[in-house]
Amino acid sequence: MAPTAEENTTTAGTDSRGASVLVNAIEVLRCFSVEEPLLGVTEIASRVGLHKSTVSRILATLEQEDLVERDETSRRFKLGLGLIAVAGPLLAELDERRVAYPVLRELTERTQETSALVTWTGSSSVCVEQIPSPQQVKHTSPLGARYRTALSASVQVFLAAEEPERVRALLAGGVLEYPSPTPARIEEFIDRLKRVAAEGCATNYGETSVDEVGIAAPVHDHRGNIIAAVMIAAPRFRVSPEHLGILAGACTAAARQVTARMGGTTPQG
């Protein structure tokens, strides 16, 4: 027997509420970042625009599923290991990740610094693979970490392939963090991106964090489009301006190697 109009309305209302709960849970998870891995209920509530009691219920459910967990010291929340289980099948299917892994391992052995593979979402770069430095002092990021700062080396690589109008919109609209995004400063940054595109490598020498250096180079597909980037992260005290050039050369060579292994083409010039 066909459902009545009242039953259809009830079902639609239930579906709508279910979708709303799911969207809210996703927004809560997106509040966490590399820069702010620990957050309290009040902080999250203010960011997602929900009442604290609603956020508490969402966090309780996410905690049951190991998607978030409490920090033992501060009792604030952080992302849980359950997210890796959710993302595992996706990461396993990323061809770039499988192909890049041995190249990253060799890059870390050569440079003794952390190497990583990052991809682009359109508004942030995401770490999908990483080989930590064997040294005691190192810079690492969890898999899935997002970089939303325009001066991050990996973000520069991807922005260098975007149209200038798109870059202007991302910076002026605050989608990407950029210090004092006046029209003049944005144009300076666009000029910088042109150099990144020409040189095939981007650097971040303590610009997003005074203690860290980042170098990134693009990985291309068979059409010459950027599909990923190889990145090196190192403590700044260990990288002199002269050594920065050596790391940049190693990073660029590794990115070209990943490109070649995937059957891609690195554009000339």
C-alpha atoms as a PDB file:
ATOM      1  CA  MET A   1       0.000   0.000   0.000  1.00  0.00           C
ATOM      2  CA  ALA A   2       1.348   3.441  -0.917  1.00  0.00           C
ATOM      3  CA  PRO A   3       2.384   5.717   1.984  1.00  0.00           C
ATOM      4  CA  THR A   4      -0.056   8.454   2.973  1.00  0.00           C
ATOM      5  CA  ALA A   5       0.747  12.158   2.658  1.00  0.00           C
ATOM      6  CA  GLU A   6       1.148  12.314   6.432  1.00  0.00           C
ATOM      7  CA  GLU A   7       3.636   9.406   6.385  1.00  0.00           C
ATOM      8  CA  ASN A   8       5.566  11.065   3.560  1.00  0.00           C
ATOM      9  CA  THR A   9       5.751  14.309   5.554  1.00  0.00           C
ATOM     10  CA  THR A  10       6.932  12.456   8.653  1.00  0.00           C
ATOM     11  CA  THR A  11       9.599  10.578   6.678  1.00  0.00           C
ATOM     12  CA  ALA A  12      10.795  13.786   5.022  1.00  0.00           C
ATOM     13  CA  GLY A  13      11.032  15.488   8.402  1.00  0.00           C
ATOM     14  CA  THR A  14      12.984  12.576   9.864  1.00  0.00           C
ATOM     15  CA  ASP A  15      15.370  12.520   6.888  1.00  0.00           C
ATOM     16  CA  SER A  16      15.900  16.264   7.182  1.00  0.00           C
ATOM     17  CA  ARG A  17      16.699  16.044  10.887  1.00  0.00           C
ATOM     18  CA  GLY A  18      19.054  13.127  10.256  1.00  0.00           C
ATOM     19  CA  ALA A  19      20.879  15.036   7.546  1.00  0.00           C
ATOM     20  CA  SER A  20      21.123  18.085   9.812  1.00  0.00           C
ATOM     21  CA  VAL A  21      22.675  16.019  12.617  1.00  0.00           C
ATOM     22  CA  LEU A  22      25.191  14.544  10.177  1.00  0.00           C
ATOM     23  CA  VAL A  23      26.136  17.984   8.820  1.00  0.00           C
ATOM     24  CA  ASN A  24      26.587  19.311  12.354  1.00  0.00           C
ATOM     25  CA  ALA A  25      28.816  16.368  13.272  1.00  0.00           C
ATOM     26  CA  ILE A  26      30.966  16.984  10.198  1.00  0.00           C
ATOM     27  CA  GLU A  27      31.264  20.680  11.067  1.00  0.00           C
ATOM     28  CA  VAL A  28      32.399  19.745  14.571  1.00  0.00           C
ATOM     29  CA  LEU A  29      35.119  17.476  13.184  1.00  0.00           C
ATOM     30  CA  ARG A  30      36.300  20.190  10.798  1.00  0.00           C
ATOM     31  CA  CYS A  31      36.939  22.548  13.712  1.00  0.00           C
ATOM     32  CA  PHE A  32      40.094  20.602  14.578  1.00  0.00           C
ATOM     33  CA  SER A  33      43.284  21.525  12.754  1.00  0.00           C
ATOM     34  CA  VAL A  34      47.046  21.096  12.927  1.00  0.00           C
ATOM     35  CA  GLU A  35      47.295  24.526  14.543  1.00  0.00           C
ATOM     36  CA  GLU A  36      44.509  23.757  17.050  1.00  0.00           C
ATOM     37  CA  PRO A  37      44.383  20.015  17.720  1.00  0.00           C
ATOM     38  CA  LEU A  38      42.743  20.447  21.161  1.00  0.00           C
ATOM     39  CA  LEU A  39      39.376  22.174  21.545  1.00  0.00           C
ATOM     40  CA  GLY A  40      36.795  22.509  24.307  1.00  0.00           C
ATOM     41  CA  VAL A  41      33.015  22.343  23.981  1.00  0.00           C
ATOM     42  CA  THR A  42      32.611  26.123  24.302  1.00  0.00           C
ATOM     43  CA  GLU A  43      35.196  26.804  21.584  1.00  0.00           C
ATOM     44  CA  ILE A  44      33.570  24.359  19.183  1.00  0.00           C
ATOM     45  CA  ALA A  45      30.057  25.658  19.909  1.00  0.00           C
ATOM     46  CA  SER A  46      31.065  29.231  19.084  1.00  0.00           C
ATOM     47  CA  ARG A  47      32.635  28.140  15.786  1.00  0.00           C
ATOM     48  CA  VAL A  48      29.780  26.003  14.496  1.00  0.00           C
ATOM     49  CA  GLY A  49      27.015  28.221  15.873  1.00  0.00           C
ATOM     50  CA  LEU A  50      25.347  25.529  17.976  1.00  0.00           C
ATOM     51  CA  HIS A  51      24.331  25.394  21.637  1.00  0.00           C
ATOM     52  CA  LYS A  52      26.890  23.811  23.960  1.00  0.00           C
ATOM     53  CA  SER A  53      24.478  21.042  24.929  1.00  0.00           C
ATOM     54  CA  THR A  54      24.068  20.092  21.258  1.00  0.00           C
ATOM     55  CA  VAL A  55      27.828  20.063  20.728  1.00  0.00           C
ATOM     56  CA  SER A  56      28.274  17.949  23.866  1.00  0.00           C
ATOM     57  CA  ARG A  57      25.852  15.336  22.532  1.00  0.00           C
ATOM     58  CA  ILE A  58      27.594  15.274  19.166  1.00  0.00           C
ATOM     59  CA  LEU A  59      31.003  14.886  20.805  1.00  0.00           C
ATOM     60  CA  ALA A  60      29.702  12.109  23.042  1.00  0.00           C
ATOM     61  CA  THR A  61      28.530  10.169  19.984  1.00  0.00           C
ATOM     62  CA  LEU A  62      31.784  10.792  18.116  1.00  0.00           C
ATOM     63  CA  GLU A  63      33.743   9.692  21.190  1.00  0.00           C
ATOM     64  CA  GLN A  64      31.809   6.405  21.326  1.00  0.00           C
ATOM     65  CA  GLU A  65      32.901   5.743  17.745  1.00  0.00           C
ATOM     66  CA  ASP A  66      36.540   6.727  18.485  1.00  0.00           C
ATOM     67  CA  LEU A  67      36.295   9.640  16.047  1.00  0.00           C
ATOM     68  CA  VAL A  68      37.278  12.029  18.841  1.00  0.00           C
ATOM     69  CA  GLU A  69      38.908  11.438  22.193  1.00  0.00           C
ATOM     70  CA  ARG A  70      39.690  13.423  25.333  1.00  0.00           C
ATOM     71  CA  ASP A  71      43.170  14.648  26.091  1.00  0.00           C
ATOM     72  CA  GLU A  72      44.175  13.127  29.428  1.00  0.00           C
ATOM     73  CA  THR A  73      45.749  16.338  30.729  1.00  0.00           C
ATOM     74  CA  SER A  74      43.414  19.112  29.585  1.00  0.00           C
ATOM     75  CA  ARG A  75      40.242  16.994  29.159  1.00  0.00           C
ATOM     76  CA  ARG A  76      39.625  18.870  25.924  1.00  0.00           C
ATOM     77  CA  PHE A  77      38.781  16.997  22.767  1.00  0.00           C
ATOM     78  CA  LYS A  78      41.033  15.952  19.881  1.00  0.00           C
ATOM     79  CA  LEU A  79      40.550  13.835  16.776  1.00  0.00           C
ATOM     80  CA  GLY A  80      40.551  10.099  17.430  1.00  0.00           C
ATOM     81  CA  LEU A  81      42.244   7.187  15.733  1.00  0.00           C
ATOM     82  CA  GLY A  82      38.891   5.966  14.454  1.00  0.00           C
ATOM     83  CA  LEU A  83      39.171   8.522  11.677  1.00  0.00           C
ATOM     84  CA  ILE A  84      42.130   6.628  10.256  1.00  0.00           C
ATOM     85  CA  ALA A  85      39.976   3.511   9.970  1.00  0.00           C
ATOM     86  CA  VAL A  86      37.341   5.544   8.122  1.00  0.00           C
ATOM     87  CA  ALA A  87      39.868   7.150   5.769  1.00  0.00           C
ATOM     88  CA  GLY A  88      42.006   4.031   5.353  1.00  0.00           C
ATOM     89  CA  PRO A  89      40.257   2.620   2.250  1.00  0.00           C
ATOM     90  CA  LEU A  90      40.452   6.028   0.540  1.00  0.00           C
ATOM     91  CA  LEU A  91      44.141   6.447   1.327  1.00  0.00           C
ATOM     92  CA  ALA A  92      44.852   2.924   0.126  1.00  0.00           C
ATOM     93  CA  GLU A  93      43.260   3.707  -3.241  1.00  0.00           C
ATOM     94  CA  LEU A  94      45.246   6.879  -3.871  1.00  0.00           C
ATOM     95  CA  ASP A  95      47.595   5.951  -6.698  1.00  0.00           C
ATOM     96  CA  GLU A  96      49.761   8.965  -5.915  1.00  0.00           C
ATOM     97  CA  ARG A  97      50.242   7.718  -2.370  1.00  0.00           C
ATOM     98  CA  ARG A  98      51.276   4.202  -3.384  1.00  0.00           C
ATOM     99  CA  VAL A  99      53.629   5.413  -6.092  1.00  0.00           C
ATOM    100  CA  ALA A 100      55.156   8.150  -3.933  1.00  0.00           C
ATOM    101  CA  TYR A 101      55.884   6.051  -0.845  1.00  0.00           C
ATOM    102  CA  PRO A 102      59.264   4.558  -1.916  1.00  0.00           C
ATOM    103  CA  VAL A 103      60.337   7.935  -3.311  1.00  0.00           C
ATOM    104  CA  LEU A 104      59.486   9.656  -0.031  1.00  0.00           C
ATOM    105  CA  ARG A 105      61.343   7.005   1.924  1.00  0.00           C
ATOM    106  CA  GLU A 106      64.437   7.552  -0.196  1.00  0.00           C
ATOM    107  CA  LEU A 107      64.061  11.338   0.104  1.00  0.00           C
ATOM    108  CA  THR A 108      63.971  11.120   3.904  1.00  0.00           C
ATOM    109  CA  GLU A 109      67.005   8.823   3.930  1.00  0.00           C
ATOM    110  CA  ARG A 110      68.921  11.275   1.729  1.00  0.00           C
ATOM    111  CA  THR A 111      67.960  14.491   3.523  1.00  0.00           C
ATOM    112  CA  GLN A 112      67.360  13.100   7.033  1.00  0.00           C
ATOM    113  CA  GLU A 113      64.268  15.323   7.155  1.00  0.00           C
ATOM    114  CA  THR A 114      60.545  14.571   7.130  1.00  0.00           C
ATOM    115  CA  SER A 115      59.057  14.114   3.672  1.00  0.00           C
ATOM    116  CA  ALA A 116      55.377  14.063   2.776  1.00  0.00           C
ATOM    117  CA  LEU A 117      52.894  13.849  -0.070  1.00  0.00           C
ATOM    118  CA  VAL A 118      50.063  16.396  -0.097  1.00  0.00           C
ATOM    119  CA  THR A 119      46.982  16.830  -2.274  1.00  0.00           C
ATOM    120  CA  TRP A 120      44.735  19.815  -2.953  1.00  0.00           C
ATOM    121  CA  THR A 121      41.063  20.270  -2.005  1.00  0.00           C
ATOM    122  CA  GLY A 122      40.627  23.558  -3.821  1.00  0.00           C
ATOM    123  CA  SER A 123      41.086  25.606  -0.668  1.00  0.00           C
ATOM    124  CA  SER A 124      43.641  23.683   1.402  1.00  0.00           C
ATOM    125  CA  SER A 125      46.413  21.126   1.010  1.00  0.00           C
ATOM    126  CA  VAL A 126      46.082  17.792   2.813  1.00  0.00           C
ATOM    127  CA  CYS A 127      48.829  15.450   4.015  1.00  0.00           C
ATOM    128  CA  VAL A 128      48.110  11.930   2.693  1.00  0.00           C
ATOM    129  CA  GLU A 129      51.484  10.259   3.258  1.00  0.00           C
ATOM    130  CA  GLN A 130      54.532  10.977   5.402  1.00  0.00           C
ATOM    131  CA  ILE A 131      57.943   9.562   6.262  1.00  0.00           C
ATOM    132  CA  PRO A 132      59.172  11.117   9.535  1.00  0.00           C
ATOM    133  CA  SER A 133      62.752  12.266   9.955  1.00  0.00           C
ATOM    134  CA  PRO A 134      64.930   9.795  11.869  1.00  0.00           C
ATOM    135  CA  GLN A 135      66.401  12.682  13.864  1.00  0.00           C
ATOM    136  CA  GLN A 136      65.251  13.395  17.406  1.00  0.00           C
ATOM    137  CA  VAL A 137      64.099  16.940  16.628  1.00  0.00           C
ATOM    138  CA  LYS A 138      61.748  16.864  13.645  1.00  0.00           C
ATOM    139  CA  HIS A 139      58.605  18.393  12.177  1.00  0.00           C
ATOM    140  CA  THR A 140      55.720  16.046  11.405  1.00  0.00           C
ATOM    141  CA  SER A 141      51.974  16.324  10.777  1.00  0.00           C
ATOM    142  CA  PRO A 142      49.243  13.715  11.196  1.00  0.00           C
ATOM    143  CA  LEU A 143      47.802  12.141   8.055  1.00  0.00           C
ATOM    144  CA  GLY A 144      44.818  14.196   7.001  1.00  0.00           C
ATOM    145  CA  ALA A 145      46.297  17.432   8.355  1.00  0.00           C
ATOM    146  CA  ARG A 146      45.137  20.447   6.349  1.00  0.00           C
ATOM    147  CA  TYR A 147      47.222  23.485   5.484  1.00  0.00           C
ATOM    148  CA  ARG A 148      45.165  26.649   5.000  1.00  0.00           C
ATOM    149  CA  THR A 149      47.935  29.240   5.203  1.00  0.00           C
ATOM    150  CA  ALA A 150      48.773  30.799   1.834  1.00  0.00           C
ATOM    151  CA  LEU A 151      52.471  31.000   2.679  1.00  0.00           C
ATOM    152  CA  SER A 152      52.723  27.257   3.350  1.00  0.00           C
ATOM    153  CA  ALA A 153      55.047  25.774   0.746  1.00  0.00           C
ATOM    154  CA  SER A 154      52.548  23.142  -0.381  1.00  0.00           C
ATOM    155  CA  VAL A 155      49.719  25.677  -0.677  1.00  0.00           C
ATOM    156  CA  GLN A 156      51.947  27.942  -2.773  1.00  0.00           C
ATOM    157  CA  VAL A 157      52.610  25.091  -5.202  1.00  0.00           C
ATOM    158  CA  PHE A 158      48.906  24.511  -5.822  1.00  0.00           C
ATOM    159  CA  LEU A 159      48.007  28.214  -5.921  1.00  0.00           C
ATOM    160  CA  ALA A 160      50.713  28.750  -8.548  1.00  0.00           C
ATOM    161  CA  ALA A 161      48.577  26.631 -10.887  1.00  0.00           C
ATOM    162  CA  GLU A 162      45.367  28.563 -10.157  1.00  0.00           C
ATOM    163  CA  GLU A 163      44.100  31.560 -12.097  1.00  0.00           C
ATOM    164  CA  PRO A 164      45.055  34.886 -10.439  1.00  0.00           C
ATOM    165  CA  GLU A 165      41.377  35.787  -9.936  1.00  0.00           C
ATOM    166  CA  ARG A 166      40.840  32.569  -8.019  1.00  0.00           C
ATOM    167  CA  VAL A 167      43.857  33.339  -5.812  1.00  0.00           C
ATOM    168  CA  ARG A 168      42.614  36.873  -5.174  1.00  0.00           C
ATOM    169  CA  ALA A 169      39.215  35.513  -4.115  1.00  0.00           C
ATOM    170  CA  LEU A 170      40.705  32.938  -1.745  1.00  0.00           C
ATOM    171  CA  LEU A 171      42.927  35.515  -0.049  1.00  0.00           C
ATOM    172  CA  ALA A 172      40.558  38.485   0.008  1.00  0.00           C
ATOM    173  CA  GLY A 173      37.690  36.292   1.216  1.00  0.00           C
ATOM    174  CA  GLY A 174      39.707  34.870   4.100  1.00  0.00           C
ATOM    175  CA  VAL A 175      39.400  31.276   2.858  1.00  0.00           C
ATOM    176  CA  LEU A 176      43.191  31.055   3.115  1.00  0.00           C
ATOM    177  CA  GLU A 177      45.116  32.777   5.870  1.00  0.00           C
ATOM    178  CA  TYR A 178      47.354  35.556   4.610  1.00  0.00           C
ATOM    179  CA  PRO A 179      48.806  38.441   6.676  1.00  0.00           C
ATOM    180  CA  SER A 180      47.278  41.860   5.867  1.00  0.00           C
ATOM    181  CA  PRO A 181      45.578  40.834   2.598  1.00  0.00           C
ATOM    182  CA  THR A 182      45.429  44.317   1.080  1.00  0.00           C
ATOM    183  CA  PRO A 183      45.134  44.522  -2.739  1.00  0.00           C
ATOM    184  CA  ALA A 184      48.804  45.532  -2.986  1.00  0.00           C
ATOM    185  CA  ARG A 185      49.959  42.650  -0.770  1.00  0.00           C
ATOM    186  CA  ILE A 186      47.850  40.176  -2.711  1.00  0.00           C
ATOM    187  CA  GLU A 187      49.405  41.326  -5.990  1.00  0.00           C
ATOM    188  CA  GLU A 188      52.876  40.859  -4.457  1.00  0.00           C
ATOM    189  CA  PHE A 189      51.892  37.315  -3.531  1.00  0.00           C
ATOM    190  CA  ILE A 190      50.607  36.600  -7.041  1.00  0.00           C
ATOM    191  CA  ASP A 191      53.984  37.729  -8.408  1.00  0.00           C
ATOM    192  CA  ARG A 192      55.604  35.315  -5.978  1.00  0.00           C
ATOM    193  CA  LEU A 193      53.403  32.505  -7.282  1.00  0.00           C
ATOM    194  CA  LYS A 194      54.570  33.244 -10.819  1.00  0.00           C
ATOM    195  CA  ARG A 195      58.141  32.637  -9.660  1.00  0.00           C
ATOM    196  CA  VAL A 196      57.061  29.412  -7.951  1.00  0.00           C
ATOM    197  CA  ALA A 197      55.491  28.227 -11.202  1.00  0.00           C
ATOM    198  CA  ALA A 198      58.619  29.125 -13.168  1.00  0.00           C
ATOM    199  CA  GLU A 199      61.032  27.522 -10.705  1.00  0.00           C
ATOM    200  CA  GLY A 200      58.913  24.445 -10.000  1.00  0.00           C
ATOM    201  CA  CYS A 201      59.450  24.735  -6.250  1.00  0.00           C
ATOM    202  CA  ALA A 202      58.102  26.755  -3.301  1.00  0.00           C
ATOM    203  CA  THR A 203      59.743  27.522   0.032  1.00  0.00           C
ATOM    204  CA  ASN A 204      58.488  28.675   3.397  1.00  0.00           C
ATOM    205  CA  TYR A 205      61.486  29.762   5.419  1.00  0.00           C
ATOM    206  CA  GLY A 206      59.924  30.375   8.814  1.00  0.00           C
ATOM    207  CA  GLU A 207      57.053  32.426   7.386  1.00  0.00           C
ATOM    208  CA  THR A 208      54.192  30.431   8.887  1.00  0.00           C
ATOM    209  CA  SER A 209      56.153  29.237  11.927  1.00  0.00           C
ATOM    210  CA  VAL A 210      59.462  30.773  12.994  1.00  0.00           C
ATOM    211  CA  ASP A 211      60.765  27.327  13.920  1.00  0.00           C
ATOM    212  CA  GLU A 212      59.935  25.483  10.702  1.00  0.00           C
ATOM    213  CA  VAL A 213      61.075  25.368   7.098  1.00  0.00           C
ATOM    214  CA  GLY A 214      58.931  23.905   4.333  1.00  0.00           C
ATOM    215  CA  ILE A 215      59.829  23.087   0.742  1.00  0.00           C
ATOM    216  CA  ALA A 216      57.375  21.726  -1.827  1.00  0.00           C
ATOM    217  CA  ALA A 217      57.449  20.743  -5.498  1.00  0.00           C
ATOM    218  CA  PRO A 218      54.576  19.706  -7.792  1.00  0.00           C
ATOM    219  CA  VAL A 219      53.677  16.246  -9.084  1.00  0.00           C
ATOM    220  CA  HIS A 220      52.054  16.284 -12.545  1.00  0.00           C
ATOM    221  CA  ASP A 221      49.769  13.907 -14.422  1.00  0.00           C
ATOM    222  CA  HIS A 222      50.039  12.939 -18.102  1.00  0.00           C
ATOM    223  CA  ARG A 223      48.394  16.234 -19.110  1.00  0.00           C
ATOM    224  CA  GLY A 224      50.869  18.287 -17.119  1.00  0.00           C
ATOM    225  CA  ASN A 225      48.285  19.195 -14.454  1.00  0.00           C
ATOM    226  CA  ILE A 226      49.354  19.333 -10.802  1.00  0.00           C
ATOM    227  CA  ILE A 227      47.777  16.436  -8.897  1.00  0.00           C
ATOM    228  CA  ALA A 228      49.925  16.424  -5.740  1.00  0.00           C
ATOM    229  CA  ALA A 229      53.066  17.862  -4.215  1.00  0.00           C
ATOM    230  CA  VAL A 230      56.118  16.426  -2.497  1.00  0.00           C
ATOM    231  CA  MET A 231      57.053  18.337   0.640  1.00  0.00           C
ATOM    232  CA  ILE A 232      60.009  18.473   3.019  1.00  0.00           C
ATOM    233  CA  ALA A 233      59.538  19.818   6.556  1.00  0.00           C
ATOM    234  CA  ALA A 234      62.510  20.585   8.795  1.00  0.00           C
ATOM    235  CA  PRO A 235      63.424  22.562  11.901  1.00  0.00           C
ATOM    236  CA  ARG A 236      64.695  25.993  10.892  1.00  0.00           C
ATOM    237  CA  PHE A 237      67.791  25.832  13.099  1.00  0.00           C
ATOM    238  CA  ARG A 238      69.041  22.946  10.972  1.00  0.00           C
ATOM    239  CA  VAL A 239      68.539  24.647   7.602  1.00  0.00           C
ATOM    240  CA  SER A 240      70.856  27.450   6.572  1.00  0.00           C
ATOM    241  CA  PRO A 241      69.967  29.488   3.450  1.00  0.00           C
ATOM    242  CA  GLU A 242      72.631  27.500   1.591  1.00  0.00           C
ATOM    243  CA  HIS A 243      71.255  24.154   2.771  1.00  0.00           C
ATOM    244  CA  LEU A 244      67.762  25.302   1.783  1.00  0.00           C
ATOM    245  CA  GLY A 245      68.865  25.184  -1.848  1.00  0.00           C
ATOM    246  CA  ILE A 246      70.113  21.618  -1.448  1.00  0.00           C
ATOM    247  CA  LEU A 247      66.815  20.508   0.083  1.00  0.00           C
ATOM    248  CA  ALA A 248      64.882  22.315  -2.655  1.00  0.00           C
ATOM    249  CA  GLY A 249      66.862  20.435  -5.305  1.00  0.00           C
ATOM    250  CA  ALA A 250      66.206  17.103  -3.595  1.00  0.00           C
ATOM    251  CA  CYS A 251      62.495  17.867  -3.219  1.00  0.00           C
ATOM    252  CA  THR A 252      62.146  18.902  -6.867  1.00  0.00           C
ATOM    253  CA  ALA A 253      63.965  15.777  -8.046  1.00  0.00           C
ATOM    254  CA  ALA A 254      61.692  13.579  -5.899  1.00  0.00           C
ATOM    255  CA  ALA A 255      58.572  15.248  -7.292  1.00  0.00           C
ATOM    256  CA  ARG A 256      59.801  14.683 -10.835  1.00  0.00           C
ATOM    257  CA  GLN A 257      60.478  11.044  -9.970  1.00  0.00           C
ATOM    258  CA  VAL A 258      56.928  10.550  -8.664  1.00  0.00           C
ATOM    259  CA  THR A 259      55.607  12.268 -11.795  1.00  0.00           C
ATOM    260  CA  ALA A 260      57.629   9.906 -14.011  1.00  0.00           C
ATOM    261  CA  ARG A 261      56.552   6.811 -12.038  1.00  0.00           C
ATOM    262  CA  MET A 262      52.905   7.808 -12.605  1.00  0.00           C
ATOM    263  CA  GLY A 263      53.447   8.329 -16.321  1.00  0.00           C
ATOM    264  CA  GLY A 264      53.097  12.065 -15.908  1.00  0.00           C
ATOM    265  CA  THR A 265      54.784  14.924 -17.684  1.00  0.00           C
ATOM    266  CA  THR A 266      56.639  17.777 -16.029  1.00  0.00           C
ATOM    267  CA  PRO A 267      56.055  20.954 -18.082  1.00  0.00           C
ATOM    268  CA  GLN A 268      59.225  22.485 -19.453  1.00  0.00           C
ATOM    269  CA  GLY A 269      60.195  26.014 -18.431  1.00  0.00           C
END
